[in-house]
Amino acid sequence: MAKNKEINKNTKFYKKEMRKWESRISISLTLIMIGIMSFLFIFLKMNDWEFSNITLEAYDLFKFSFLSPFVFYLTFSVRQFNHYKKQLDLYKLKATDFEFIYENKLLERIDSELNLKYKNVS
């Protein structure tokens, strides 16, 4: 039973970690979207809100470089989330295997006890 408690403890840990990384992913995605929208808002305001005068040059795209730390953090968060997801799946599989083995041993023990009872009766 100690093994089962350890598996359950690790499953809870990985679920908690996954929720943490999910929130970090959503926060960094939100910050990236806010950054892109603010860049476009400022760019449109500089062009007096005339969509026909908008021309994006290559050097204008470098203004997005202030978002690069958020993109790197998003990439890191996704990798960590995937790692914890794999570990959680592994521990769920271990828990299922453990339950299967435990139930089979229990059934074997019941079967052997029933066989002993019936052998003693006959």
PDB file of N, CA and C in Angstrom:
ATOM      1  N   MET A   1       0.800  -1.190   0.000  1.00  0.00           N
ATOM      2  CA  MET A   1       0.000   0.000   0.000  1.00  0.00           C
ATOM      3  C   MET A   1       0.852   1.267   0.000  1.00  0.00           C
ATOM      4  N   ALA A   2       2.076   1.163   0.468  1.00  0.00           N
ATOM      5  CA  ALA A   2       2.952   2.334   0.457  1.00  0.00           C
ATOM      6  C   ALA A   2       3.223   2.781  -0.970  1.00  0.00           C
ATOM      7  N   LYS A   3       3.351   1.823  -1.866  1.00  0.00           N
ATOM      8  CA  LYS A   3       3.581   2.143  -3.276  1.00  0.00           C
ATOM      9  C   LYS A   3       2.384   2.900  -3.857  1.00  0.00           C
ATOM     10  N   ASN A   4       1.181   2.487  -3.486  1.00  0.00           N
ATOM     11  CA  ASN A   4      -0.031   3.147  -3.968  1.00  0.00           C
ATOM     12  C   ASN A   4      -0.093   4.584  -3.452  1.00  0.00           C
ATOM     13  N   LYS A   5       0.273   4.801  -2.192  1.00  0.00           N
ATOM     14  CA  LYS A   5       0.278   6.159  -1.625  1.00  0.00           C
ATOM     15  C   LYS A   5       1.299   7.034  -2.335  1.00  0.00           C
ATOM     16  N   GLU A   6       2.447   6.465  -2.647  1.00  0.00           N
ATOM     17  CA  GLU A   6       3.485   7.216  -3.360  1.00  0.00           C
ATOM     18  C   GLU A   6       3.007   7.601  -4.763  1.00  0.00           C
ATOM     19  N   ILE A   7       2.360   6.678  -5.440  1.00  0.00           N
ATOM     20  CA  ILE A   7       1.841   6.946  -6.781  1.00  0.00           C
ATOM     21  C   ILE A   7       0.783   8.038  -6.718  1.00  0.00           C
ATOM     22  N   ASN A   8      -0.121   7.968  -5.753  1.00  0.00           N
ATOM     23  CA  ASN A   8      -1.157   8.994  -5.607  1.00  0.00           C
ATOM     24  C   ASN A   8      -0.560  10.353  -5.266  1.00  0.00           C
ATOM     25  N   LYS A   9       0.471  10.354  -4.412  1.00  0.00           N
ATOM     26  CA  LYS A   9       1.125  11.608  -4.043  1.00  0.00           C
ATOM     27  C   LYS A   9       1.778  12.253  -5.268  1.00  0.00           C
ATOM     28  N   ASN A  10       2.464  11.450  -6.067  1.00  0.00           N
ATOM     29  CA  ASN A  10       3.111  11.984  -7.266  1.00  0.00           C
ATOM     30  C   ASN A  10       2.082  12.433  -8.303  1.00  0.00           C
ATOM     31  N   THR A  11       0.974  11.722  -8.412  1.00  0.00           N
ATOM     32  CA  THR A  11      -0.080  12.129  -9.340  1.00  0.00           C
ATOM     33  C   THR A  11      -0.629  13.494  -8.946  1.00  0.00           C
ATOM     34  N   LYS A  12      -0.878  13.698  -7.656  1.00  0.00           N
ATOM     35  CA  LYS A  12      -1.363  15.001  -7.181  1.00  0.00           C
ATOM     36  C   LYS A  12      -0.339  16.093  -7.441  1.00  0.00           C
ATOM     37  N   PHE A  13       0.942  15.786  -7.226  1.00  0.00           N
ATOM     38  CA  PHE A  13       2.002  16.766  -7.464  1.00  0.00           C
ATOM     39  C   PHE A  13       2.027  17.195  -8.928  1.00  0.00           C
ATOM     40  N   TYR A  14       1.963  16.223  -9.839  1.00  0.00           N
ATOM     41  CA  TYR A  14       2.033  16.560 -11.253  1.00  0.00           C
ATOM     42  C   TYR A  14       0.784  17.291 -11.726  1.00  0.00           C
ATOM     43  N   LYS A  15      -0.367  16.986 -11.146  1.00  0.00           N
ATOM     44  CA  LYS A  15      -1.581  17.738 -11.483  1.00  0.00           C
ATOM     45  C   LYS A  15      -1.441  19.194 -11.054  1.00  0.00           C
ATOM     46  N   LYS A  16      -0.885  19.405  -9.846  1.00  0.00           N
ATOM     47  CA  LYS A  16      -0.683  20.766  -9.347  1.00  0.00           C
ATOM     48  C   LYS A  16       0.301  21.520 -10.232  1.00  0.00           C
ATOM     49  N   GLU A  17       1.376  20.871 -10.616  1.00  0.00           N
ATOM     50  CA  GLU A  17       2.371  21.509 -11.482  1.00  0.00           C
ATOM     51  C   GLU A  17       1.784  21.846 -12.854  1.00  0.00           C
ATOM     52  N   MET A  18       0.947  20.959 -13.376  1.00  0.00           N
ATOM     53  CA  MET A  18       0.328  21.227 -14.674  1.00  0.00           C
ATOM     54  C   MET A  18      -0.584  22.450 -14.596  1.00  0.00           C
ATOM     55  N   ARG A  19      -1.348  22.566 -13.512  1.00  0.00           N
ATOM     56  CA  ARG A  19      -2.205  23.749 -13.363  1.00  0.00           C
ATOM     57  C   ARG A  19      -1.371  25.017 -13.288  1.00  0.00           C
ATOM     58  N   LYS A  20      -0.220  24.943 -12.600  1.00  0.00           N
ATOM     59  CA  LYS A  20       0.663  26.096 -12.487  1.00  0.00           C
ATOM     60  C   LYS A  20       1.190  26.510 -13.859  1.00  0.00           C
ATOM     61  N   TRP A  21       1.648  25.543 -14.649  1.00  0.00           N
ATOM     62  CA  TRP A  21       2.190  25.872 -15.967  1.00  0.00           C
ATOM     63  C   TRP A  21       1.094  26.291 -16.935  1.00  0.00           C
ATOM     64  N   GLU A  22      -0.123  25.761 -16.778  1.00  0.00           N
ATOM     65  CA  GLU A  22      -1.235  26.224 -17.610  1.00  0.00           C
ATOM     66  C   GLU A  22      -1.512  27.700 -17.363  1.00  0.00           C
ATOM     67  N   SER A  23      -1.494  28.110 -16.104  1.00  0.00           N
ATOM     68  CA  SER A  23      -1.733  29.522 -15.805  1.00  0.00           C
ATOM     69  C   SER A  23      -0.606  30.393 -16.340  1.00  0.00           C
ATOM     70  N   ARG A  24       0.620  29.912 -16.263  1.00  0.00           N
ATOM     71  CA  ARG A  24       1.745  30.690 -16.802  1.00  0.00           C
ATOM     72  C   ARG A  24       1.658  30.823 -18.323  1.00  0.00           C
ATOM     73  N   ILE A  25       1.204  29.768 -18.981  1.00  0.00           N
ATOM     74  CA  ILE A  25       1.035  29.830 -20.434  1.00  0.00           C
ATOM     75  C   ILE A  25      -0.038  30.848 -20.786  1.00  0.00           C
ATOM     76  N   SER A  26      -1.151  30.821 -20.088  1.00  0.00           N
ATOM     77  CA  SER A  26      -2.225  31.763 -20.404  1.00  0.00           C
ATOM     78  C   SER A  26      -1.822  33.202 -20.105  1.00  0.00           C
ATOM     79  N   ILE A  27      -1.066  33.421 -19.041  1.00  0.00           N
ATOM     80  CA  ILE A  27      -0.607  34.775 -18.720  1.00  0.00           C
ATOM     81  C   ILE A  27       0.355  35.283 -19.784  1.00  0.00           C
ATOM     82  N   SER A  28       1.309  34.442 -20.186  1.00  0.00           N
ATOM     83  CA  SER A  28       2.262  34.906 -21.198  1.00  0.00           C
ATOM     84  C   SER A  28       1.583  35.107 -22.548  1.00  0.00           C
ATOM     85  N   LEU A  29       0.617  34.269 -22.905  1.00  0.00           N
ATOM     86  CA  LEU A  29      -0.138  34.494 -24.145  1.00  0.00           C
ATOM     87  C   LEU A  29      -0.924  35.800 -24.088  1.00  0.00           C
ATOM     88  N   THR A  30      -1.508  36.077 -22.927  1.00  0.00           N
ATOM     89  CA  THR A  30      -2.245  37.325 -22.757  1.00  0.00           C
ATOM     90  C   THR A  30      -1.317  38.524 -22.899  1.00  0.00           C
ATOM     91  N   LEU A  31      -0.137  38.451 -22.288  1.00  0.00           N
ATOM     92  CA  LEU A  31       0.819  39.559 -22.394  1.00  0.00           C
ATOM     93  C   LEU A  31       1.294  39.758 -23.827  1.00  0.00           C
ATOM     94  N   ILE A  32       1.508  38.675 -24.545  1.00  0.00           N
ATOM     95  CA  ILE A  32       1.927  38.787 -25.945  1.00  0.00           C
ATOM     96  C   ILE A  32       0.822  39.431 -26.780  1.00  0.00           C
ATOM     97  N   MET A  33      -0.410  38.999 -26.574  1.00  0.00           N
ATOM     98  CA  MET A  33      -1.522  39.581 -27.329  1.00  0.00           C
ATOM     99  C   MET A  33      -1.721  41.051 -26.993  1.00  0.00           C
ATOM    100  N   ILE A  34      -1.595  41.402 -25.723  1.00  0.00           N
ATOM    101  CA  ILE A  34      -1.709  42.811 -25.336  1.00  0.00           C
ATOM    102  C   ILE A  34      -0.592  43.623 -25.982  1.00  0.00           C
ATOM    103  N   GLY A  35       0.622  43.069 -26.026  1.00  0.00           N
ATOM    104  CA  GLY A  35       1.747  43.761 -26.656  1.00  0.00           C
ATOM    105  C   GLY A  35       1.526  43.982 -28.143  1.00  0.00           C
ATOM    106  N   ILE A  36       1.034  42.958 -28.828  1.00  0.00           N
ATOM    107  CA  ILE A  36       0.775  43.095 -30.270  1.00  0.00           C
ATOM    108  C   ILE A  36      -0.327  44.119 -30.514  1.00  0.00           C
ATOM    109  N   MET A  37      -1.387  44.045 -29.731  1.00  0.00           N
ATOM    110  CA  MET A  37      -2.495  44.995 -29.907  1.00  0.00           C
ATOM    111  C   MET A  37      -2.059  46.422 -29.594  1.00  0.00           C
ATOM    112  N   SER A  38      -1.254  46.595 -28.558  1.00  0.00           N
ATOM    113  CA  SER A  38      -0.779  47.959 -28.241  1.00  0.00           C
ATOM    114  C   SER A  38       0.145  48.475 -29.338  1.00  0.00           C
ATOM    115  N   PHE A  39       1.002  47.596 -29.905  1.00  0.00           N
ATOM    116  CA  PHE A  39       1.856  48.012 -31.015  1.00  0.00           C
ATOM    117  C   PHE A  39       1.010  48.463 -32.198  1.00  0.00           C
ATOM    118  N   LEU A  40      -0.020  47.692 -32.547  1.00  0.00           N
ATOM    119  CA  LEU A  40      -0.880  48.076 -33.665  1.00  0.00           C
ATOM    120  C   LEU A  40      -1.673  49.335 -33.360  1.00  0.00           C
ATOM    121  N   PHE A  41      -2.113  49.482 -32.125  1.00  0.00           N
ATOM    122  CA  PHE A  41      -2.840  50.678 -31.728  1.00  0.00           C
ATOM    123  C   PHE A  41      -1.961  51.920 -31.870  1.00  0.00           C
ATOM    124  N   ILE A  42      -0.754  51.834 -31.376  1.00  0.00           N
ATOM    125  CA  ILE A  42       0.175  52.972 -31.479  1.00  0.00           C
ATOM    126  C   ILE A  42       0.517  53.251 -32.936  1.00  0.00           C
ATOM    127  N   PHE A  43       0.725  52.206 -33.712  1.00  0.00           N
ATOM    128  CA  PHE A  43       1.061  52.367 -35.130  1.00  0.00           C
ATOM    129  C   PHE A  43      -0.088  53.035 -35.891  1.00  0.00           C
ATOM    130  N   LEU A  44      -1.319  52.620 -35.599  1.00  0.00           N
ATOM    131  CA  LEU A  44      -2.471  53.256 -36.246  1.00  0.00           C
ATOM    132  C   LEU A  44      -2.642  54.704 -35.800  1.00  0.00           C
ATOM    133  N   LYS A  45      -2.375  54.979 -34.536  1.00  0.00           N
ATOM    134  CA  LYS A  45      -2.489  56.351 -34.034  1.00  0.00           C
ATOM    135  C   LYS A  45      -1.447  57.249 -34.685  1.00  0.00           C
ATOM    136  N   MET A  46      -0.247  56.726 -34.932  1.00  0.00           N
ATOM    137  CA  MET A  46       0.796  57.515 -35.595  1.00  0.00           C
ATOM    138  C   MET A  46       0.424  57.832 -37.050  1.00  0.00           C
ATOM    139  N   ASN A  47      -0.392  56.965 -37.676  1.00  0.00           N
ATOM    140  CA  ASN A  47      -0.809  57.177 -39.065  1.00  0.00           C
ATOM    141  C   ASN A  47      -2.178  57.846 -39.149  1.00  0.00           C
ATOM    142  N   ASP A  48      -2.603  58.498 -38.078  1.00  0.00           N
ATOM    143  CA  ASP A  48      -3.871  59.234 -38.024  1.00  0.00           C
ATOM    144  C   ASP A  48      -5.069  58.352 -38.358  1.00  0.00           C
ATOM    145  N   TRP A  49      -5.028  57.108 -37.981  1.00  0.00           N
ATOM    146  CA  TRP A  49      -6.126  56.156 -38.126  1.00  0.00           C
ATOM    147  C   TRP A  49      -6.550  55.940 -39.578  1.00  0.00           C
ATOM    148  N   GLU A  50      -5.662  56.191 -40.493  1.00  0.00           N
ATOM    149  CA  GLU A  50      -5.962  55.945 -41.902  1.00  0.00           C
ATOM    150  C   GLU A  50      -5.348  54.608 -42.294  1.00  0.00           C
ATOM    151  N   PHE A  51      -6.218  53.670 -42.596  1.00  0.00           N
ATOM    152  CA  PHE A  51      -5.760  52.331 -42.930  1.00  0.00           C
ATOM    153  C   PHE A  51      -5.103  52.277 -44.307  1.00  0.00           C
ATOM    154  N   SER A  52      -5.451  53.212 -45.180  1.00  0.00           N
ATOM    155  CA  SER A  52      -4.878  53.199 -46.534  1.00  0.00           C
ATOM    156  C   SER A  52      -3.420  53.654 -46.538  1.00  0.00           C
ATOM    157  N   ASN A  53      -3.000  54.392 -45.532  1.00  0.00           N
ATOM    158  CA  ASN A  53      -1.616  54.891 -45.466  1.00  0.00           C
ATOM    159  C   ASN A  53      -0.673  53.949 -44.723  1.00  0.00           C
ATOM    160  N   ILE A  54      -1.181  52.821 -44.281  1.00  0.00           N
ATOM    161  CA  ILE A  54      -0.350  51.918 -43.476  1.00  0.00           C
ATOM    162  C   ILE A  54       0.599  51.148 -44.374  1.00  0.00           C
ATOM    163  N   THR A  55       1.859  51.299 -44.097  1.00  0.00           N
ATOM    164  CA  THR A  55       2.895  50.502 -44.764  1.00  0.00           C
ATOM    165  C   THR A  55       3.839  50.002 -43.674  1.00  0.00           C
ATOM    166  N   LEU A  56       3.990  48.729 -43.606  1.00  0.00           N
ATOM    167  CA  LEU A  56       4.908  48.133 -42.632  1.00  0.00           C
ATOM    168  C   LEU A  56       6.221  47.825 -43.325  1.00  0.00           C
ATOM    169  N   GLU A  57       7.251  48.429 -42.852  1.00  0.00           N
ATOM    170  CA  GLU A  57       8.596  48.165 -43.351  1.00  0.00           C
ATOM    171  C   GLU A  57       9.246  47.112 -42.465  1.00  0.00           C
ATOM    172  N   ALA A  58      10.350  46.597 -42.932  1.00  0.00           N
ATOM    173  CA  ALA A  58      11.043  45.542 -42.173  1.00  0.00           C
ATOM    174  C   ALA A  58      11.515  46.054 -40.818  1.00  0.00           C
ATOM    175  N   TYR A  59      11.964  47.302 -40.762  1.00  0.00           N
ATOM    176  CA  TYR A  59      12.436  47.825 -39.486  1.00  0.00           C
ATOM    177  C   TYR A  59      11.284  48.056 -38.504  1.00  0.00           C
ATOM    178  N   ASP A  60      10.059  48.177 -38.995  1.00  0.00           N
ATOM    179  CA  ASP A  60       8.912  48.299 -38.090  1.00  0.00           C
ATOM    180  C   ASP A  60       8.666  46.997 -37.331  1.00  0.00           C
ATOM    181  N   LEU A  61       8.989  45.888 -37.950  1.00  0.00           N
ATOM    182  CA  LEU A  61       8.772  44.602 -37.295  1.00  0.00           C
ATOM    183  C   LEU A  61       9.742  44.372 -36.131  1.00  0.00           C
ATOM    184  N   PHE A  62      10.879  45.082 -36.144  1.00  0.00           N
ATOM    185  CA  PHE A  62      11.817  44.952 -35.026  1.00  0.00           C
ATOM    186  C   PHE A  62      11.248  45.555 -33.743  1.00  0.00           C
ATOM    187  N   LYS A  63      10.199  46.344 -33.873  1.00  0.00           N
ATOM    188  CA  LYS A  63       9.568  46.911 -32.680  1.00  0.00           C
ATOM    189  C   LYS A  63       8.895  45.815 -31.847  1.00  0.00           C
ATOM    190  N   PHE A  64       8.646  44.673 -32.488  1.00  0.00           N
ATOM    191  CA  PHE A  64       8.076  43.552 -31.747  1.00  0.00           C
ATOM    192  C   PHE A  64       9.110  42.855 -30.870  1.00  0.00           C
ATOM    193  N   SER A  65      10.362  43.259 -30.958  1.00  0.00           N
ATOM    194  CA  SER A  65      11.409  42.568 -30.199  1.00  0.00           C
ATOM    195  C   SER A  65      11.221  42.695 -28.696  1.00  0.00           C
ATOM    196  N   PHE A  66      10.463  43.685 -28.249  1.00  0.00           N
ATOM    197  CA  PHE A  66      10.213  43.785 -26.813  1.00  0.00           C
ATOM    198  C   PHE A  66       9.341  42.625 -26.326  1.00  0.00           C
ATOM    199  N   LEU A  67       8.703  41.905 -27.249  1.00  0.00           N
ATOM    200  CA  LEU A  67       7.886  40.757 -26.872  1.00  0.00           C
ATOM    201  C   LEU A  67       8.683  39.453 -26.822  1.00  0.00           C
ATOM    202  N   SER A  68       9.924  39.491 -27.292  1.00  0.00           N
ATOM    203  CA  SER A  68      10.699  38.245 -27.364  1.00  0.00           C
ATOM    204  C   SER A  68      10.898  37.552 -26.016  1.00  0.00           C
ATOM    205  N   PRO A  69      11.112  38.261 -24.898  1.00  0.00           N
ATOM    206  CA  PRO A  69      11.208  37.525 -23.623  1.00  0.00           C
ATOM    207  C   PRO A  69       9.925  36.754 -23.296  1.00  0.00           C
ATOM    208  N   PHE A  70       8.795  37.336 -23.630  1.00  0.00           N
ATOM    209  CA  PHE A  70       7.537  36.646 -23.368  1.00  0.00           C
ATOM    210  C   PHE A  70       7.385  35.420 -24.261  1.00  0.00           C
ATOM    211  N   VAL A  71       7.864  35.527 -25.496  1.00  0.00           N
ATOM    212  CA  VAL A  71       7.794  34.383 -26.411  1.00  0.00           C
ATOM    213  C   VAL A  71       8.705  33.260 -25.916  1.00  0.00           C
ATOM    214  N   PHE A  72       9.918  33.616 -25.457  1.00  0.00           N
ATOM    215  CA  PHE A  72      10.816  32.597 -24.921  1.00  0.00           C
ATOM    216  C   PHE A  72      10.220  31.961 -23.662  1.00  0.00           C
ATOM    217  N   TYR A  73       9.612  32.773 -22.814  1.00  0.00           N
ATOM    218  CA  TYR A  73       8.995  32.232 -21.600  1.00  0.00           C
ATOM    219  C   TYR A  73       7.814  31.342 -21.956  1.00  0.00           C
ATOM    220  N   LEU A  74       7.061  31.724 -22.969  1.00  0.00           N
ATOM    221  CA  LEU A  74       5.946  30.896 -23.417  1.00  0.00           C
ATOM    222  C   LEU A  74       6.449  29.543 -23.913  1.00  0.00           C
ATOM    223  N   THR A  75       7.524  29.567 -24.689  1.00  0.00           N
ATOM    224  CA  THR A  75       8.108  28.321 -25.189  1.00  0.00           C
ATOM    225  C   THR A  75       8.566  27.434 -24.030  1.00  0.00           C
ATOM    226  N   PHE A  76       9.229  28.043 -23.061  1.00  0.00           N
ATOM    227  CA  PHE A  76       9.682  27.294 -21.886  1.00  0.00           C
ATOM    228  C   PHE A  76       8.495  26.719 -21.114  1.00  0.00           C
ATOM    229  N   SER A  77       7.463  27.511 -20.951  1.00  0.00           N
ATOM    230  CA  SER A  77       6.277  27.060 -20.211  1.00  0.00           C
ATOM    231  C   SER A  77       5.604  25.890 -20.905  1.00  0.00           C
ATOM    232  N   VAL A  78       5.521  25.953 -22.214  1.00  0.00           N
ATOM    233  CA  VAL A  78       4.898  24.861 -22.962  1.00  0.00           C
ATOM    234  C   VAL A  78       5.719  23.587 -22.822  1.00  0.00           C
ATOM    235  N   ARG A  79       7.041  23.721 -22.882  1.00  0.00           N
ATOM    236  CA  ARG A  79       7.896  22.536 -22.725  1.00  0.00           C
ATOM    237  C   ARG A  79       7.741  21.930 -21.333  1.00  0.00           C
ATOM    238  N   GLN A  80       7.697  22.779 -20.303  1.00  0.00           N
ATOM    239  CA  GLN A  80       7.521  22.275 -18.945  1.00  0.00           C
ATOM    240  C   GLN A  80       6.154  21.613 -18.785  1.00  0.00           C
ATOM    241  N   PHE A  81       5.129  22.233 -19.346  1.00  0.00           N
ATOM    242  CA  PHE A  81       3.784  21.657 -19.270  1.00  0.00           C
ATOM    243  C   PHE A  81       3.764  20.276 -19.916  1.00  0.00           C
ATOM    244  N   ASN A  82       4.381  20.161 -21.090  1.00  0.00           N
ATOM    245  CA  ASN A  82       4.413  18.865 -21.771  1.00  0.00           C
ATOM    246  C   ASN A  82       5.176  17.817 -20.967  1.00  0.00           C
ATOM    247  N   HIS A  83       6.257  18.240 -20.320  1.00  0.00           N
ATOM    248  CA  HIS A  83       7.022  17.319 -19.482  1.00  0.00           C
ATOM    249  C   HIS A  83       6.167  16.798 -18.329  1.00  0.00           C
ATOM    250  N   TYR A  84       5.502  17.709 -17.626  1.00  0.00           N
ATOM    251  CA  TYR A  84       4.673  17.291 -16.499  1.00  0.00           C
ATOM    252  C   TYR A  84       3.471  16.479 -16.965  1.00  0.00           C
ATOM    253  N   LYS A  85       2.952  16.767 -18.146  1.00  0.00           N
ATOM    254  CA  LYS A  85       1.837  15.985 -18.697  1.00  0.00           C
ATOM    255  C   LYS A  85       2.286  14.548 -18.948  1.00  0.00           C
ATOM    256  N   LYS A  86       3.478  14.371 -19.523  1.00  0.00           N
ATOM    257  CA  LYS A  86       3.994  13.021 -19.753  1.00  0.00           C
ATOM    258  C   LYS A  86       4.196  12.284 -18.438  1.00  0.00           C
ATOM    259  N   GLN A  87       4.739  12.980 -17.443  1.00  0.00           N
ATOM    260  CA  GLN A  87       4.953  12.343 -16.142  1.00  0.00           C
ATOM    261  C   GLN A  87       3.629  11.961 -15.487  1.00  0.00           C
ATOM    262  N   LEU A  88       2.637  12.836 -15.608  1.00  0.00           N
ATOM    263  CA  LEU A  88       1.325  12.528 -15.046  1.00  0.00           C
ATOM    264  C   LEU A  88       0.719  11.312 -15.739  1.00  0.00           C
ATOM    265  N   ASP A  89       0.831  11.257 -17.042  1.00  0.00           N
ATOM    266  CA  ASP A  89       0.326  10.089 -17.770  1.00  0.00           C
ATOM    267  C   ASP A  89       1.035   8.819 -17.332  1.00  0.00           C
ATOM    268  N   LEU A  90       2.340   8.909 -17.115  1.00  0.00           N
ATOM    269  CA  LEU A  90       3.105   7.758 -16.657  1.00  0.00           C
ATOM    270  C   LEU A  90       2.628   7.285 -15.286  1.00  0.00           C
ATOM    271  N   TYR A  91       2.407   8.225 -14.363  1.00  0.00           N
ATOM    272  CA  TYR A  91       1.955   7.835 -13.032  1.00  0.00           C
ATOM    273  C   TYR A  91       0.519   7.329 -13.039  1.00  0.00           C
ATOM    274  N   LYS A  92      -0.308   7.861 -13.936  1.00  0.00           N
ATOM    275  CA  LYS A  92      -1.667   7.305 -14.058  1.00  0.00           C
ATOM    276  C   LYS A  92      -1.599   5.868 -14.558  1.00  0.00           C
ATOM    277  N   LEU A  93      -0.691   5.607 -15.499  1.00  0.00           N
ATOM    278  CA  LEU A  93      -0.513   4.246 -15.991  1.00  0.00           C
ATOM    279  C   LEU A  93      -0.005   3.333 -14.885  1.00  0.00           C
ATOM    280  N   LYS A  94       0.937   3.834 -14.089  1.00  0.00           N
ATOM    281  CA  LYS A  94       1.448   3.041 -12.969  1.00  0.00           C
ATOM    282  C   LYS A  94       0.341   2.735 -11.961  1.00  0.00           C
ATOM    283  N   ALA A  95      -0.514   3.730 -11.704  1.00  0.00           N
ATOM    284  CA  ALA A  95      -1.618   3.517 -10.762  1.00  0.00           C
ATOM    285  C   ALA A  95      -2.573   2.455 -11.296  1.00  0.00           C
ATOM    286  N   THR A  96      -2.843   2.511 -12.592  1.00  0.00           N
ATOM    287  CA  THR A  96      -3.730   1.511 -13.196  1.00  0.00           C
ATOM    288  C   THR A  96      -3.099   0.127 -13.127  1.00  0.00           C
ATOM    289  N   ASP A  97      -1.815   0.039 -13.449  1.00  0.00           N
ATOM    290  CA  ASP A  97      -1.114  -1.244 -13.356  1.00  0.00           C
ATOM    291  C   ASP A  97      -1.111  -1.771 -11.927  1.00  0.00           C
ATOM    292  N   PHE A  98      -0.877  -0.882 -10.985  1.00  0.00           N
ATOM    293  CA  PHE A  98      -0.841  -1.291  -9.581  1.00  0.00           C
ATOM    294  C   PHE A  98      -2.201  -1.823  -9.147  1.00  0.00           C
ATOM    295  N   GLU A  99      -3.276  -1.125  -9.538  1.00  0.00           N
ATOM    296  CA  GLU A  99      -4.622  -1.603  -9.203  1.00  0.00           C
ATOM    297  C   GLU A  99      -4.890  -2.961  -9.824  1.00  0.00           C
ATOM    298  N   PHE A 100      -4.478  -3.140 -11.073  1.00  0.00           N
ATOM    299  CA  PHE A 100      -4.692  -4.403 -11.769  1.00  0.00           C
ATOM    300  C   PHE A 100      -3.957  -5.538 -11.064  1.00  0.00           C
ATOM    301  N   ILE A 101      -2.701  -5.290 -10.720  1.00  0.00           N
ATOM    302  CA  ILE A 101      -1.903  -6.320 -10.034  1.00  0.00           C
ATOM    303  C   ILE A 101      -2.501  -6.623  -8.661  1.00  0.00           C
ATOM    304  N   TYR A 102      -2.891  -5.580  -7.937  1.00  0.00           N
ATOM    305  CA  TYR A 102      -3.463  -5.775  -6.608  1.00  0.00           C
ATOM    306  C   TYR A 102      -4.760  -6.582  -6.685  1.00  0.00           C
ATOM    307  N   GLU A 103      -5.624  -6.234  -7.661  1.00  0.00           N
ATOM    308  CA  GLU A 103      -6.878  -6.968  -7.804  1.00  0.00           C
ATOM    309  C   GLU A 103      -6.624  -8.424  -8.197  1.00  0.00           C
ATOM    310  N   ASN A 104      -5.656  -8.660  -9.082  1.00  0.00           N
ATOM    311  CA  ASN A 104      -5.348 -10.040  -9.476  1.00  0.00           C
ATOM    312  C   ASN A 104      -4.812 -10.854  -8.307  1.00  0.00           C
ATOM    313  N   LYS A 105      -3.939 -10.241  -7.495  1.00  0.00           N
ATOM    314  CA  LYS A 105      -3.428 -10.960  -6.324  1.00  0.00           C
ATOM    315  C   LYS A 105      -4.545 -11.248  -5.341  1.00  0.00           C
ATOM    316  N   LEU A 106      -5.446 -10.275  -5.186  1.00  0.00           N
ATOM    317  CA  LEU A 106      -6.572 -10.478  -4.291  1.00  0.00           C
ATOM    318  C   LEU A 106      -7.469 -11.599  -4.803  1.00  0.00           C
ATOM    319  N   LEU A 107      -7.726 -11.598  -6.106  1.00  0.00           N
ATOM    320  CA  LEU A 107      -8.553 -12.648  -6.685  1.00  0.00           C
ATOM    321  C   LEU A 107      -7.873 -14.011  -6.582  1.00  0.00           C
ATOM    322  N   GLU A 108      -6.564 -14.050  -6.790  1.00  0.00           N
ATOM    323  CA  GLU A 108      -5.833 -15.312  -6.665  1.00  0.00           C
ATOM    324  C   GLU A 108      -5.899 -15.827  -5.228  1.00  0.00           C
ATOM    325  N   ARG A 109      -5.775 -14.911  -4.275  1.00  0.00           N
ATOM    326  CA  ARG A 109      -5.823 -15.310  -2.876  1.00  0.00           C
ATOM    327  C   ARG A 109      -7.214 -15.842  -2.513  1.00  0.00           C
ATOM    328  N   ILE A 110      -8.256 -15.176  -2.978  1.00  0.00           N
ATOM    329  CA  ILE A 110      -9.621 -15.651  -2.728  1.00  0.00           C
ATOM    330  C   ILE A 110      -9.836 -17.008  -3.383  1.00  0.00           C
ATOM    331  N   ASP A 111      -9.338 -17.137  -4.620  1.00  0.00           N
ATOM    332  CA  ASP A 111      -9.488 -18.408  -5.337  1.00  0.00           C
ATOM    333  C   ASP A 111      -8.771 -19.537  -4.597  1.00  0.00           C
ATOM    334  N   SER A 112      -7.555 -19.265  -4.119  1.00  0.00           N
ATOM    335  CA  SER A 112      -6.817 -20.309  -3.404  1.00  0.00           C
ATOM    336  C   SER A 112      -7.502 -20.663  -2.087  1.00  0.00           C
ATOM    337  N   GLU A 113      -8.079 -19.661  -1.388  1.00  0.00           N
ATOM    338  CA  GLU A 113      -8.803 -19.952  -0.142  1.00  0.00           C
ATOM    339  C   GLU A 113     -10.058 -20.774  -0.412  1.00  0.00           C
ATOM    340  N   LEU A 114     -10.772 -20.450  -1.493  1.00  0.00           N
ATOM    341  CA  LEU A 114     -11.967 -21.224  -1.843  1.00  0.00           C
ATOM    342  C   LEU A 114     -11.592 -22.650  -2.226  1.00  0.00           C
ATOM    343  N   ASN A 115     -10.495 -22.810  -2.956  1.00  0.00           N
ATOM    344  CA  ASN A 115     -10.045 -24.153  -3.317  1.00  0.00           C
ATOM    345  C   ASN A 115      -9.692 -24.973  -2.084  1.00  0.00           C
ATOM    346  N   LEU A 116      -9.051 -24.336  -1.100  1.00  0.00           N
ATOM    347  CA  LEU A 116      -8.726 -25.043   0.143  1.00  0.00           C
ATOM    348  C   LEU A 116      -9.982 -25.461   0.887  1.00  0.00           C
ATOM    349  N   LYS A 117     -10.982 -24.577   0.916  1.00  0.00           N
ATOM    350  CA  LYS A 117     -12.233 -24.898   1.610  1.00  0.00           C
ATOM    351  C   LYS A 117     -12.898 -26.083   0.950  1.00  0.00           C
ATOM    352  N   TYR A 118     -13.000 -26.052  -0.367  1.00  0.00           N
ATOM    353  CA  TYR A 118     -13.695 -27.143  -1.072  1.00  0.00           C
ATOM    354  C   TYR A 118     -12.906 -28.434  -1.021  1.00  0.00           C
ATOM    355  N   LYS A 119     -11.586 -28.369  -0.958  1.00  0.00           N
ATOM    356  CA  LYS A 119     -10.785 -29.600  -0.846  1.00  0.00           C
ATOM    357  C   LYS A 119     -11.001 -30.239   0.522  1.00  0.00           C
ATOM    358  N   ASN A 120     -11.119 -29.368   1.555  1.00  0.00           N
ATOM    359  CA  ASN A 120     -11.337 -29.895   2.905  1.00  0.00           C
ATOM    360  C   ASN A 120     -12.727 -30.489   3.063  1.00  0.00           C
ATOM    361  N   VAL A 121     -13.716 -29.988   2.339  1.00  0.00           N
ATOM    362  CA  VAL A 121     -15.089 -30.475   2.449  1.00  0.00           C
ATOM    363  C   VAL A 121     -15.208 -31.841   1.795  1.00  0.00           C
ATOM    364  N   SER A 122     -14.584 -32.066   0.677  1.00  0.00           N
ATOM    365  CA  SER A 122     -14.732 -33.330  -0.038  1.00  0.00           C
ATOM    366  C   SER A 122     -13.791 -34.347   0.496  1.00  0.00           C
TER     367      SER A 122
END
